[in-house]
Amino acid sequence: MFNSITGIITGKFPKQLFLDNNGIEWDICVPDSNLELLPPVGNEAKVYTWLQHTDQLMSLYGFASSEERSVFLDLLKVDGVGPKGAVKIMSSVSSGRLNDVLERGDVEMLEKIPGVGKKTAGKMMLTLKGKLKISESSLSSPRRADASPFADVIASLASMGYDRHLVEQKILELSEVLAADSSFSAKTQKEKEDFIFRKAIIELS
């Protein structure tokens, strides 16, 4: 029906964006990871859209780029993953990280994503491995200029209900303390994320 909407961002909330276009304010469901890629409230933005229209409802979904929308549409191909489920997955992990996990065949990591159980993780691996439409430039570029190296951990904890501001502060504190730990520095990025994720849950609880 329409490819995108350009307007002024009037509100940003978890998985929700308000966008004013010539006096019409659109209520758009947007993954948290994509909200971070869009400009702050009060700025103009182009949001790529997908419309869900059934007998019971009409919902508009939005994305920071056509590529992010393609990832969403790929997730819909997985048996048992609907639009809301796809948004929840994308809110918890960046598209680049998701692609990396799929390519490594890391089913265990997939199962840790909120909204993805063991059965769904297996289906995602079968359906999407080697098939996500993500460009090399997207994989190598940061999610935002000031992105934390633990942005995926922050997004995952926020999606679990923890206050995002507190989560960001806690992750910053932990990363600064652990930076002086040689055993932590020797870990791979995935091992660091898993470690700091578990430690943050303990301290936030």
Protein backbone atom coordinates (compact mmCIF):
# COMPACT_ATOMS: atom_id res chain seq x y z
CA MET A 1 0.00 0.00 0.00
CA PHE A 2 2.80 2.42 0.91
CA ASN A 3 6.55 2.02 1.23
CA SER A 4 7.43 4.64 3.83
CA ILE A 5 6.21 7.65 5.81
CA THR A 6 8.27 10.78 6.34
CA GLY A 7 7.39 13.14 9.18
CA ILE A 8 8.34 14.64 12.53
CA ILE A 9 8.89 12.25 15.43
CA THR A 10 6.54 13.33 18.21
CA GLY A 11 7.03 10.45 20.62
CA LYS A 12 9.30 7.48 21.32
CA PHE A 13 8.29 4.68 23.67
CA PRO A 14 9.24 1.00 24.04
CA LYS A 15 8.34 -0.60 20.69
CA GLN A 16 6.25 2.44 19.72
CA LEU A 17 6.80 5.56 17.62
CA PHE A 18 4.53 8.55 17.00
CA LEU A 19 5.18 10.26 13.68
CA ASP A 20 3.40 13.45 12.52
CA ASN A 21 2.90 13.67 8.77
CA ASN A 22 1.03 16.80 7.64
CA GLY A 23 -1.22 16.85 10.69
CA ILE A 24 -1.81 13.10 10.82
CA GLU A 25 -0.03 11.43 13.73
CA TRP A 26 0.79 7.81 12.99
CA ASP A 27 1.08 5.25 15.79
CA ILE A 28 3.74 2.81 14.57
CA CYS A 29 5.08 -0.34 16.20
CA VAL A 30 8.89 -0.19 15.91
CA PRO A 31 11.53 -2.59 17.31
CA ASP A 32 13.56 -0.99 20.10
CA SER A 33 16.76 -1.62 18.14
CA ASN A 34 15.34 0.47 15.29
CA LEU A 35 14.15 3.24 17.61
CA GLU A 36 17.79 3.72 18.55
CA LEU A 37 18.66 4.19 14.87
CA LEU A 38 16.03 6.91 14.35
CA PRO A 39 16.55 10.61 15.22
CA PRO A 40 15.42 12.08 18.58
CA VAL A 41 11.91 13.42 19.18
CA GLY A 42 11.31 16.66 17.28
CA ASN A 43 13.37 15.66 14.27
CA GLU A 44 12.25 14.54 10.83
CA ALA A 45 12.59 10.87 9.97
CA LYS A 46 11.77 8.48 7.15
CA VAL A 47 10.21 5.29 8.47
CA TYR A 48 9.87 2.24 6.23
CA THR A 49 6.55 0.55 6.87
CA TRP A 50 4.63 -2.70 6.72
CA LEU A 51 0.87 -2.88 7.21
CA GLN A 52 -0.87 -5.78 8.88
CA HIS A 53 -4.55 -5.81 7.92
CA THR A 54 -6.89 -8.56 9.11
CA ASP A 55 -10.61 -8.82 9.86
CA GLN A 56 -9.85 -8.13 13.52
CA LEU A 57 -7.17 -5.44 13.40
CA MET A 58 -5.00 -3.05 11.43
CA SER A 59 -1.46 -2.43 12.69
CA LEU A 60 1.38 -0.44 11.20
CA TYR A 61 4.99 -1.55 11.72
CA GLY A 62 7.98 0.69 11.07
CA PHE A 63 11.71 0.32 10.54
CA ALA A 64 14.75 2.59 10.26
CA SER A 65 15.69 1.20 6.84
CA SER A 66 14.34 -1.03 4.10
CA GLU A 67 16.99 -3.57 5.09
CA GLU A 68 15.70 -3.74 8.68
CA ARG A 69 12.22 -4.24 7.27
CA SER A 70 13.53 -7.13 5.17
CA VAL A 71 14.87 -8.81 8.31
CA PHE A 72 11.41 -8.44 9.89
CA LEU A 73 9.77 -10.00 6.82
CA ASP A 74 12.30 -12.85 6.90
CA LEU A 75 11.42 -13.52 10.54
CA LEU A 76 7.76 -13.80 9.54
CA LYS A 77 8.71 -16.76 7.35
CA VAL A 78 9.57 -18.74 10.48
CA ASP A 79 6.68 -20.98 11.49
CA GLY A 80 5.16 -19.67 14.71
CA VAL A 81 6.69 -16.16 14.56
CA GLY A 82 4.11 -13.43 14.00
CA PRO A 83 4.59 -9.66 13.66
CA LYS A 84 4.63 -9.02 17.42
CA GLY A 85 7.06 -11.88 17.95
CA ALA A 86 9.35 -10.60 15.20
CA VAL A 87 9.38 -7.13 16.79
CA LYS A 88 10.20 -8.65 20.18
CA ILE A 89 13.13 -10.56 18.67
CA MET A 90 14.43 -7.49 16.82
CA SER A 91 14.06 -5.42 19.99
CA SER A 92 16.32 -7.82 21.84
CA VAL A 93 19.09 -8.26 19.29
CA SER A 94 20.45 -6.21 16.40
CA SER A 95 20.06 -7.59 12.87
CA GLY A 96 23.82 -7.90 12.50
CA ARG A 97 24.14 -9.87 15.74
CA LEU A 98 21.19 -12.08 14.79
CA ASN A 99 22.80 -12.85 11.44
CA ASP A 100 26.09 -13.67 13.20
CA VAL A 101 24.37 -16.04 15.63
CA LEU A 102 22.55 -17.79 12.79
CA GLU A 103 25.69 -18.14 10.68
CA ARG A 104 27.56 -19.69 13.63
CA GLY A 105 24.70 -22.10 14.20
CA ASP A 106 24.54 -20.96 17.83
CA VAL A 107 21.15 -22.37 18.80
CA GLU A 108 21.91 -21.90 22.49
CA MET A 109 22.33 -18.14 22.01
CA LEU A 110 19.10 -17.98 19.97
CA GLU A 111 17.23 -19.61 22.84
CA LYS A 112 18.34 -16.76 25.16
CA ILE A 113 16.57 -14.16 23.03
CA PRO A 114 13.27 -13.16 24.71
CA GLY A 115 10.36 -14.70 22.83
CA VAL A 116 12.46 -17.50 21.34
CA GLY A 117 12.25 -20.95 22.90
CA LYS A 118 14.04 -24.14 21.97
CA LYS A 119 11.53 -25.11 19.29
CA THR A 120 11.43 -21.65 17.69
CA ALA A 121 15.23 -21.40 17.76
CA GLY A 122 15.46 -24.60 15.75
CA LYS A 123 12.92 -23.34 13.24
CA MET A 124 14.78 -20.02 12.91
CA MET A 125 18.04 -21.83 12.25
CA LEU A 126 16.42 -24.04 9.61
CA THR A 127 14.58 -21.19 7.88
CA LEU A 128 17.01 -18.28 8.11
CA LYS A 129 20.60 -19.52 8.26
CA GLY A 130 22.41 -18.03 5.26
CA LYS A 131 19.26 -16.26 4.08
CA LEU A 132 19.02 -12.96 6.00
CA LYS A 133 19.26 -10.01 3.61
CA ILE A 134 21.97 -8.01 5.38
CA SER A 135 24.65 -6.10 3.50
CA GLU A 136 28.32 -6.17 4.49
CA SER A 137 28.22 -2.44 5.26
CA SER A 138 25.35 -3.00 7.67
CA LEU A 139 27.22 -5.76 9.47
CA SER A 140 30.32 -3.63 9.93
CA SER A 141 28.62 -0.35 10.87
CA PRO A 142 27.66 0.49 14.47
CA ARG A 143 24.02 0.68 15.46
CA ARG A 144 24.56 4.33 16.40
CA ALA A 145 27.53 6.64 16.83
CA ASP A 146 27.62 6.35 20.61
CA ALA A 147 26.65 2.68 20.73
CA SER A 148 27.86 0.65 23.67
CA PRO A 149 29.80 -2.53 22.82
CA PHE A 150 27.12 -4.18 24.95
CA ALA A 151 24.15 -2.58 23.15
CA ASP A 152 22.56 -6.00 22.55
CA VAL A 153 22.81 -6.83 26.26
CA ILE A 154 21.17 -3.50 27.13
CA ALA A 155 18.35 -4.12 24.64
CA SER A 156 17.78 -7.65 25.97
CA LEU A 157 17.57 -6.50 29.60
CA ALA A 158 15.27 -3.60 28.70
CA SER A 159 12.96 -5.98 26.83
CA MET A 160 12.75 -8.10 30.00
CA GLY A 161 11.22 -5.15 31.84
CA TYR A 162 14.24 -3.52 33.49
CA ASP A 163 14.39 0.28 33.34
CA ARG A 164 16.54 1.13 30.32
CA HIS A 165 18.29 4.07 31.96
CA LEU A 166 19.25 1.95 34.98
CA VAL A 167 20.37 -0.86 32.70
CA GLU A 168 22.62 1.49 30.71
CA GLN A 169 24.17 2.82 33.93
CA LYS A 170 24.72 -0.68 35.33
CA ILE A 171 26.29 -1.98 32.09
CA LEU A 172 28.58 1.06 31.97
CA GLU A 173 29.66 0.48 35.59
CA LEU A 174 30.29 -3.21 35.02
CA SER A 175 32.18 -2.69 31.76
CA GLU A 176 34.46 -0.09 33.40
CA VAL A 177 35.24 -2.40 36.33
CA LEU A 178 35.72 -5.47 34.15
CA ALA A 179 37.95 -3.60 31.69
CA ALA A 180 40.74 -3.86 34.28
CA ASP A 181 40.22 -7.62 34.61
CA SER A 182 42.68 -9.41 32.30
CA SER A 183 40.67 -12.65 32.34
CA PHE A 184 37.59 -10.74 31.17
CA SER A 185 39.56 -8.90 28.46
CA ALA A 186 40.79 -12.24 27.12
CA LYS A 187 37.24 -13.45 26.48
CA THR A 188 35.59 -13.29 23.06
CA GLN A 189 32.88 -10.66 22.53
CA LYS A 190 30.16 -13.30 22.86
CA GLU A 191 31.67 -14.58 26.13
CA LYS A 192 31.89 -11.01 27.44
CA GLU A 193 28.25 -10.36 26.56
CA ASP A 194 27.07 -13.59 28.19
CA PHE A 195 29.11 -12.86 31.34
CA ILE A 196 27.99 -9.24 31.71
CA PHE A 197 24.37 -10.21 30.95
CA ARG A 198 24.30 -12.71 33.83
CA LYS A 199 26.10 -10.36 36.22
CA ALA A 200 23.79 -7.45 35.36
CA ILE A 201 20.67 -9.54 36.07
CA ILE A 202 22.02 -10.46 39.50
CA GLU A 203 22.85 -6.85 40.40
CA LEU A 204 19.66 -5.37 38.94
CA SER A 205 17.59 -7.89 40.87
